[in-house]
N, C-alpha and C. Protein backbone atom coordinates (compact mmCIF):
# COMPACT_ATOMS: atom_id res chain seq x y z
N MET A 1 11.04 24.18 46.37
CA MET A 1 10.68 23.85 45.63
C MET A 1 9.76 22.61 46.59
N LEU A 2 8.47 23.22 45.86
CA LEU A 2 7.54 22.43 46.78
C LEU A 2 7.30 21.36 45.91
N PHE A 3 7.54 19.77 46.41
CA PHE A 3 6.81 18.16 45.58
C PHE A 3 5.62 17.76 46.53
N THR A 4 4.25 17.17 45.46
CA THR A 4 3.68 16.90 46.80
C THR A 4 3.26 15.55 45.80
N SER A 5 3.21 14.52 47.06
CA SER A 5 2.40 12.71 46.18
C SER A 5 1.13 12.99 46.18
N CYS A 6 1.02 11.97 44.61
CA CYS A 6 -0.63 11.36 43.91
C CYS A 6 -0.92 10.71 44.91
N GLY A 7 -2.14 10.74 45.02
CA GLY A 7 -2.90 9.52 45.65
C GLY A 7 -1.97 9.04 47.75
N LYS A 8 -2.67 8.12 47.41
CA LYS A 8 -1.57 7.08 48.17
C LYS A 8 -0.47 6.79 48.84
N ASP A 9 0.84 6.66 48.11
CA ASP A 9 1.58 6.98 47.61
C ASP A 9 2.73 7.52 48.99
N GLU A 10 3.04 7.48 49.91
CA GLU A 10 3.83 8.27 51.26
C GLU A 10 5.58 8.03 50.29
N LEU A 11 6.08 9.30 50.69
CA LEU A 11 7.11 9.44 50.58
C LEU A 11 8.23 9.61 51.94
N ILE A 12 8.98 8.85 51.95
CA ILE A 12 9.59 7.82 52.61
C ILE A 12 11.34 9.37 52.77
N ASN A 13 11.59 9.75 54.18
CA ASN A 13 12.71 10.52 53.54
C ASN A 13 13.65 9.99 54.97
N PRO A 14 14.81 9.75 54.61
CA PRO A 14 16.23 9.31 55.33
C PRO A 14 16.37 10.02 56.31
N GLU A 15 16.02 11.27 56.65
CA GLU A 15 16.09 12.12 57.68
C GLU A 15 14.90 12.05 58.37
N SER A 16 14.01 11.97 58.42
CA SER A 16 13.14 11.80 59.09
C SER A 16 13.22 10.47 59.94
N GLU A 17 11.94 10.16 61.19
CA GLU A 17 11.83 9.13 61.71
C GLU A 17 10.48 8.05 61.51
N ALA A 18 10.63 8.20 60.43
CA ALA A 18 9.88 6.97 59.77
C ALA A 18 10.19 5.16 60.02
N ALA A 19 8.95 4.60 60.63
CA ALA A 19 9.65 3.54 60.61
C ALA A 19 10.24 2.90 59.66
N LEU A 20 10.47 2.46 58.67
CA LEU A 20 11.53 1.94 57.40
C LEU A 20 12.27 2.45 57.32
N LEU A 21 12.79 3.58 57.91
CA LEU A 21 14.79 4.29 58.17
C LEU A 21 15.40 4.29 59.30
N GLN A 22 14.54 3.10 60.12
CA GLN A 22 14.67 3.77 61.40
C GLN A 22 16.44 2.97 61.45
N GLY A 23 16.22 1.10 60.90
CA GLY A 23 17.87 1.48 60.94
C GLY A 23 18.57 1.47 60.33
N ASP A 24 19.99 0.70 59.74
CA ASP A 24 20.70 0.99 58.47
C ASP A 24 20.32 0.37 57.19
N TYR A 25 20.68 0.96 56.18
CA TYR A 25 21.47 1.31 54.60
C TYR A 25 21.92 2.01 54.23
N LEU A 26 21.48 1.92 52.61
CA LEU A 26 22.67 1.90 51.42
C LEU A 26 22.08 2.77 50.83
N VAL A 27 21.97 4.36 50.37
CA VAL A 27 21.43 4.74 49.38
C VAL A 27 22.36 4.90 47.99
N PHE A 28 22.24 4.86 46.88
CA PHE A 28 22.49 4.15 45.69
C PHE A 28 22.39 5.24 44.53
N GLY A 29 22.78 5.56 43.56
CA GLY A 29 22.13 5.78 42.31
C GLY A 29 23.66 7.11 41.95
N SER A 30 23.28 8.26 40.82
CA SER A 30 23.71 8.87 40.04
C SER A 30 22.19 9.53 39.72
N ALA A 31 23.22 10.98 39.10
CA ALA A 31 22.40 12.48 39.43
C ALA A 31 23.30 12.73 37.73
N ALA A 32 22.58 13.27 37.45
CA ALA A 32 22.89 14.63 36.00
C ALA A 32 22.94 15.34 37.04
N PRO A 33 24.18 16.64 35.86
CA PRO A 33 24.33 17.78 36.60
C PRO A 33 23.81 19.33 36.11
N GLU A 34 23.12 18.57 35.03
CA GLU A 34 22.42 19.43 34.24
C GLU A 34 21.63 18.64 34.04
N CYS A 35 20.15 19.20 33.21
CA CYS A 35 18.66 18.41 32.38
C CYS A 35 18.25 20.10 32.68
N ASP A 36 17.89 19.71 32.07
CA ASP A 36 15.79 20.80 31.58
C ASP A 36 14.32 20.29 32.61
N GLY A 37 14.90 20.15 33.99
CA GLY A 37 13.06 19.77 33.95
C GLY A 37 12.39 18.10 34.41
N ILE A 38 13.78 16.84 33.80
CA ILE A 38 13.21 16.38 33.85
C ILE A 38 14.13 15.12 34.61
N ASN A 39 13.87 14.15 35.24
CA ASN A 39 14.15 13.73 36.42
C ASN A 39 16.01 13.92 36.73
N CYS A 40 16.39 13.61 36.86
CA CYS A 40 17.67 14.64 36.94
C CYS A 40 19.23 13.46 38.48
N ALA A 41 17.81 12.94 39.13
CA ALA A 41 18.77 11.89 39.76
C ALA A 41 17.71 10.48 39.39
N LYS A 42 18.93 9.25 39.74
CA LYS A 42 18.33 7.97 39.61
C LYS A 42 18.91 7.16 40.88
N LEU A 43 18.18 7.49 42.24
CA LEU A 43 18.80 7.22 42.88
C LEU A 43 17.73 5.49 44.45
N PHE A 44 18.40 5.02 44.97
CA PHE A 44 17.64 3.87 44.81
C PHE A 44 17.83 3.72 46.58
N LEU A 45 16.83 2.60 47.38
CA LEU A 45 17.26 3.02 49.71
C LEU A 45 17.81 1.43 49.21
N LEU A 46 18.60 0.77 49.44
CA LEU A 46 18.55 -0.58 49.80
C LEU A 46 18.51 -0.16 51.33
N GLN A 47 17.30 -1.03 52.50
CA GLN A 47 16.69 -1.30 53.18
C GLN A 47 16.87 -2.61 54.42
N GLY A 48 16.84 -3.49 54.42
CA GLY A 48 16.03 -4.56 54.96
C GLY A 48 16.28 -5.65 53.94
N ASN A 49 15.88 -6.32 53.02
CA ASN A 49 15.42 -7.07 51.79
C ASN A 49 14.38 -6.55 50.97
N LYS A 50 14.44 -4.73 50.66
CA LYS A 50 13.45 -4.24 50.56
C LYS A 50 14.44 -2.97 49.83
N LEU A 51 14.08 -3.26 48.13
CA LEU A 51 14.96 -2.19 47.09
C LEU A 51 13.33 -0.96 47.35
N TYR A 52 13.89 0.24 47.28
CA TYR A 52 13.17 0.87 47.26
C TYR A 52 13.74 2.54 45.77
N PRO A 53 13.02 2.35 45.37
CA PRO A 53 13.02 3.96 44.45
C PRO A 53 13.08 5.14 44.86
N ASP A 54 13.55 6.39 44.52
CA ASP A 54 14.03 7.54 44.66
C ASP A 54 11.87 8.50 44.54
N ASP A 55 11.82 9.22 44.93
CA ASP A 55 10.97 10.58 44.65
C ASP A 55 11.18 11.40 44.73
N MET A 56 12.31 12.43 43.74
CA MET A 56 12.82 13.19 43.78
C MET A 56 13.16 13.76 41.91
N ILE A 57 13.55 14.62 41.66
CA ILE A 57 14.45 15.27 41.07
C ILE A 57 15.40 15.30 40.61
N TYR A 58 15.56 16.41 41.90
CA TYR A 58 17.69 16.80 41.98
C TYR A 58 18.50 15.96 43.15
N LEU A 59 19.11 16.34 42.70
CA LEU A 59 19.80 15.34 44.30
C LEU A 59 20.15 16.54 45.23
N SER A 60 20.27 17.44 44.82
CA SER A 60 20.40 18.41 46.12
C SER A 60 18.78 18.70 47.06
N GLU A 61 17.82 18.15 46.75
CA GLU A 61 17.11 17.66 47.52
C GLU A 61 17.21 16.78 49.03
N THR A 62 16.25 17.19 49.49
CA THR A 62 16.15 15.90 50.66
C THR A 62 15.85 14.81 49.88
N LEU A 63 16.66 13.98 50.56
CA LEU A 63 16.17 12.16 50.17
C LEU A 63 15.06 11.58 50.23
N LYS A 64 13.79 11.32 49.35
CA LYS A 64 12.58 11.12 49.66
C LYS A 64 13.17 10.14 48.51
N PHE A 65 12.17 8.62 49.22
CA PHE A 65 11.95 7.88 48.72
C PHE A 65 10.08 7.37 48.60
N ASP A 66 9.55 6.33 47.38
CA ASP A 66 9.10 6.11 47.41
C ASP A 66 7.93 4.97 48.49
N ASN A 67 7.18 4.52 48.80
CA ASN A 67 7.28 3.63 49.82
C ASN A 67 6.67 1.94 49.78
N ASN A 68 6.01 2.21 48.63
CA ASN A 68 6.27 0.82 47.52
C ASN A 68 8.16 0.09 46.85
N ALA A 69 8.11 -0.79 47.04
CA ALA A 69 9.25 -1.99 47.34
C ALA A 69 9.23 -2.23 46.68
N LEU A 70 10.53 -1.82 45.01
CA LEU A 70 10.30 -2.49 43.78
C LEU A 70 10.83 -4.00 44.22
N PRO A 71 9.97 -5.03 43.20
CA PRO A 71 10.21 -6.45 43.37
C PRO A 71 11.23 -6.58 43.47
N ALA A 72 11.01 -7.67 43.70
CA ALA A 72 12.27 -8.91 44.57
C ALA A 72 13.34 -9.08 43.27
N ASP A 73 13.00 -9.24 42.39
CA ASP A 73 14.54 -9.23 41.63
C ASP A 73 14.86 -8.33 41.18
N LYS A 74 14.42 -7.20 41.10
CA LYS A 74 15.64 -5.70 41.61
C LYS A 74 15.92 -5.58 42.92
N TYR A 75 16.15 -6.28 43.62
CA TYR A 75 16.55 -5.98 45.23
C TYR A 75 18.01 -7.23 45.07
N ASN A 76 17.59 -8.13 44.45
CA ASN A 76 18.28 -9.10 44.72
C ASN A 76 19.71 -8.73 43.56
N LEU A 77 19.38 -7.68 42.70
CA LEU A 77 20.14 -7.35 41.87
C LEU A 77 21.25 -6.55 42.54
N ALA A 78 20.31 -5.64 43.29
CA ALA A 78 21.14 -4.74 43.56
C ALA A 78 22.17 -4.79 44.93
N LYS A 79 21.65 -5.81 45.41
CA LYS A 79 22.10 -6.37 46.96
C LYS A 79 23.37 -6.49 47.19
N GLN A 80 23.90 -6.97 46.10
CA GLN A 80 25.40 -7.04 46.08
C GLN A 80 25.73 -5.95 46.09
N LEU A 81 25.80 -4.37 46.11
CA LEU A 81 26.21 -3.52 46.17
C LEU A 81 26.66 -3.16 47.78
N LEU A 82 25.23 -3.35 48.52
CA LEU A 82 26.01 -3.78 50.00
C LEU A 82 27.08 -4.94 50.87
N SER A 83 26.81 -5.91 50.10
CA SER A 83 28.23 -7.76 50.30
C SER A 83 29.44 -6.93 49.85
N LYS A 84 29.73 -6.20 49.00
CA LYS A 84 30.49 -5.74 48.15
C LYS A 84 31.63 -4.99 48.21
N PHE A 85 30.95 -3.96 49.48
CA PHE A 85 31.05 -2.84 49.39
C PHE A 85 32.17 -2.56 49.35
N PRO A 86 33.24 -1.98 49.53
CA PRO A 86 34.64 -1.87 49.15
C PRO A 86 35.22 -0.79 50.90
N ASN A 87 36.14 -1.43 51.56
CA ASN A 87 37.37 -1.32 52.48
C ASN A 87 37.55 0.62 52.41
N TYR A 88 38.03 0.16 51.37
CA TYR A 88 38.91 1.36 50.60
C TYR A 88 37.36 2.73 51.02
N LEU A 89 36.19 2.92 51.23
CA LEU A 89 35.02 3.47 50.65
C LEU A 89 35.28 3.54 52.35
N ARG A 90 35.40 2.93 53.22
CA ARG A 90 34.51 2.58 54.96
C ARG A 90 35.80 3.45 55.75
N LYS A 91 37.52 3.42 54.88
CA LYS A 91 38.14 3.87 55.26
C LYS A 91 38.94 5.51 55.02
N HIS A 92 37.30 6.31 53.41
CA HIS A 92 37.73 7.36 53.17
C HIS A 92 36.15 7.63 53.44
N PRO A 93 35.67 7.89 54.91
CA PRO A 93 34.50 8.11 54.60
C PRO A 93 33.84 9.81 54.40
N ASN A 94 33.13 10.41 53.44
CA ASN A 94 32.23 11.36 52.61
C ASN A 94 34.23 12.49 52.54
N LYS A 95 34.12 11.64 51.29
CA LYS A 95 35.08 12.25 50.23
C LYS A 95 34.33 11.93 48.97
N THR A 96 34.35 13.03 48.21
CA THR A 96 34.51 13.07 47.10
C THR A 96 35.91 12.73 46.35
N PHE A 97 35.52 11.38 45.27
CA PHE A 97 36.80 11.07 43.98
C PHE A 97 36.76 11.89 42.81
N GLY A 98 37.51 12.26 42.25
CA GLY A 98 37.30 12.68 41.06
C GLY A 98 36.78 14.35 41.03
N CYS A 99 36.58 14.47 39.60
CA CYS A 99 35.05 15.82 39.74
C CYS A 99 33.82 15.41 38.69
N PRO A 100 33.08 15.32 39.97
CA PRO A 100 31.79 14.79 39.60
C PRO A 100 30.92 15.45 38.98
N GLY A 101 30.68 15.47 37.86
CA GLY A 101 29.65 16.06 37.08
C GLY A 101 30.44 17.52 36.25
N CYS A 102 31.47 17.31 36.69
CA CYS A 102 32.41 18.46 36.37
C CYS A 102 32.46 18.75 34.74
N MET A 103 32.80 17.10 33.41
CA MET A 103 32.36 17.42 32.54
C MET A 103 31.26 17.07 31.62
N ASP A 104 29.84 17.96 33.00
CA ASP A 104 28.65 17.00 31.78
C ASP A 104 28.48 15.50 32.48
N GLN A 105 29.33 14.98 33.34
CA GLN A 105 28.63 13.60 33.00
C GLN A 105 27.95 13.27 34.26
N GLU A 106 27.48 12.01 34.40
CA GLU A 106 26.56 11.81 35.66
C GLU A 106 27.40 11.94 36.58
N GLN A 107 27.26 11.68 37.60
CA GLN A 107 27.69 11.40 39.60
C GLN A 107 26.86 10.51 39.68
N LEU A 108 28.43 10.11 40.69
CA LEU A 108 27.59 8.59 40.99
C LEU A 108 28.20 9.20 42.99
N TYR A 109 26.26 8.42 43.60
CA TYR A 109 26.32 9.23 44.85
C TYR A 109 26.06 7.41 45.80
N LEU A 110 26.72 7.73 46.73
CA LEU A 110 26.73 6.30 47.77
C LEU A 110 26.38 7.56 49.84
N GLU A 111 25.60 6.07 49.98
CA GLU A 111 25.63 7.11 50.92
C GLU A 111 24.99 5.32 52.40
N ILE A 112 26.05 6.02 53.35
CA ILE A 112 25.51 4.70 54.35
C ILE A 112 25.20 4.64 55.55
N LYS A 113 23.75 4.18 56.16
CA LYS A 113 23.66 4.85 57.54
C LYS A 113 24.29 3.27 58.07
N LYS A 114 25.00 3.35 58.80
CA LYS A 114 25.06 2.08 60.22
C LYS A 114 25.78 3.02 61.49
N ASN A 115 24.91 1.83 61.85
CA ASN A 115 25.04 2.57 63.66
C ASN A 115 24.73 4.17 64.22
N ASN A 116 23.51 4.41 63.23
CA ASN A 116 23.05 5.73 63.56
C ASN A 116 24.15 7.03 62.69
N LYS A 117 24.79 6.26 61.57
CA LYS A 117 26.29 7.36 61.97
C LYS A 117 26.17 7.25 60.43
N ILE A 118 25.78 8.51 59.30
CA ILE A 118 25.42 9.01 58.27
C ILE A 118 26.87 9.15 57.39
N THR A 119 27.56 8.37 56.07
CA THR A 119 28.73 8.26 56.03
C THR A 119 27.99 8.72 53.68
N ARG A 120 28.96 9.82 53.26
CA ARG A 120 28.18 10.23 52.29
C ARG A 120 30.03 9.85 51.07
N TRP A 121 29.70 9.30 49.98
CA TRP A 121 30.33 9.63 49.16
C TRP A 121 30.05 10.20 47.55
N HIS A 122 30.70 11.25 47.03
CA HIS A 122 29.98 11.68 45.64
C HIS A 122 31.41 10.97 44.51
N ILE A 123 30.74 9.99 43.60
CA ILE A 123 32.21 9.17 42.49
C ILE A 123 31.80 10.14 41.29
N ASP A 124 33.17 10.68 40.50
CA ASP A 124 33.40 11.00 39.19
C ASP A 124 32.69 9.60 38.33
N THR A 125 32.06 9.50 37.53
CA THR A 125 31.74 8.03 36.89
C THR A 125 33.30 7.71 35.90
N VAL A 126 33.97 8.51 35.54
CA VAL A 126 35.12 7.87 34.85
C VAL A 126 35.80 6.97 35.52
N VAL A 127 35.59 6.04 35.70
CA VAL A 127 35.92 4.89 36.65
C VAL A 127 37.99 4.46 36.58
N GLU A 128 38.18 4.83 34.90
CA GLU A 128 39.51 4.83 35.20
C GLU A 128 40.97 5.60 36.00
N GLU A 129 40.04 7.12 36.41
CA GLU A 129 40.65 7.99 36.95
C GLU A 129 40.30 7.64 38.93
N GLN A 130 39.52 6.82 38.89
CA GLN A 130 39.11 6.08 39.98
C GLN A 130 40.67 5.61 40.79
N PRO A 131 40.89 5.84 42.54
CA PRO A 131 41.73 4.62 43.18
C PRO A 131 41.34 2.62 42.06
N ALA A 132 42.20 2.33 42.03
CA ALA A 132 41.94 0.85 41.62
C ALA A 132 41.09 0.43 42.85
N GLU A 133 41.50 0.56 44.28
CA GLU A 133 40.77 -0.31 44.87
C GLU A 133 39.27 -0.46 44.96
N ILE A 134 38.97 0.82 43.87
CA ILE A 134 37.08 1.60 44.40
C ILE A 134 36.42 1.06 42.83
N ARG A 135 37.38 0.97 41.97
CA ARG A 135 37.67 0.94 39.82
C ARG A 135 36.06 -1.01 39.70
N SER A 136 36.53 -1.19 40.84
CA SER A 136 35.85 -2.19 40.63
C SER A 136 34.09 -2.36 40.62
N TYR A 137 34.21 -2.03 41.88
CA TYR A 137 33.20 -1.90 42.51
C TYR A 137 31.77 -0.64 41.21
N ILE A 138 32.96 0.70 41.47
CA ILE A 138 32.31 2.09 40.73
C ILE A 138 31.73 0.97 39.34
N GLN A 139 32.43 -0.19 38.60
CA GLN A 139 31.72 -0.70 37.21
C GLN A 139 29.99 -1.25 38.04
N THR A 140 30.15 -2.52 39.39
CA THR A 140 29.24 -2.92 39.74
C THR A 140 28.59 -1.96 39.99
N LEU A 141 28.05 -0.78 40.01
CA LEU A 141 27.30 0.35 40.73
C LEU A 141 26.86 0.80 39.10
N LEU A 142 27.43 1.24 38.01
CA LEU A 142 26.77 1.34 36.87
C LEU A 142 25.99 0.34 36.31
N SER A 143 26.68 -0.59 36.46
CA SER A 143 26.07 -2.08 35.80
C SER A 143 24.63 -2.21 36.13
N VAL A 144 25.13 -2.30 37.96
CA VAL A 144 23.40 -2.92 38.51
C VAL A 144 22.53 -1.37 38.13
N LEU A 145 22.72 0.04 38.63
CA LEU A 145 21.88 0.97 37.87
C LEU A 145 21.24 0.80 36.12
N LYS A 146 22.24 0.66 35.57
CA LYS A 146 21.90 0.26 33.82
C LYS A 146 20.60 -0.82 33.60
N GLU A 147 21.03 -1.12 34.68
CA GLU A 147 19.89 -2.83 34.80
C GLU A 147 18.57 -2.80 35.39
N LEU A 148 18.77 -1.26 36.84
CA LEU A 148 17.18 -1.27 37.42
C LEU A 148 16.33 0.16 36.84
C-alpha cells in the first residue's frame, strides 16, 4: 500500500534517521484485528516533552507519526505511561501476552527505544488474564488511550 501525506505535514518514521527520533522514545497504542478500511491503529509517539499521533491505518505498516505534536495537556496525560512503565515488561522483552486480537478485540502495542535498543510488546486487552505485575499498567494504558 502506498500512503501519501497532504499539504506540508511530514511523516515521521522511527526506522528513519529523522532528527526527532534520534533519541529514546515510547510508542504506545492499540489496533483492531479486523476493520473495513477505517483507521485500525491508534498509536502515539512519546518523545522528549512531546506527544505525536500516528499517521497510519494498520499496525502492520511501518510506524509513521505526524510531525505536529499534540497539545501539552495530552502529553501530560500520556507521560505517566513512561514514568510508570513496569519493570516486569523490561524483564520480559519482545513478548506477546495473552492472545492479542484472537477474539476480534483490540490489541495493545508498546515499543521502547532506549540506548539505541528497540523492544516491543503485544498485549491482549483482557486485563485479568495478564500477569498481575502488569495489570495496573494495562488499565492505565487503556484509560489514557480512551482520553486521547
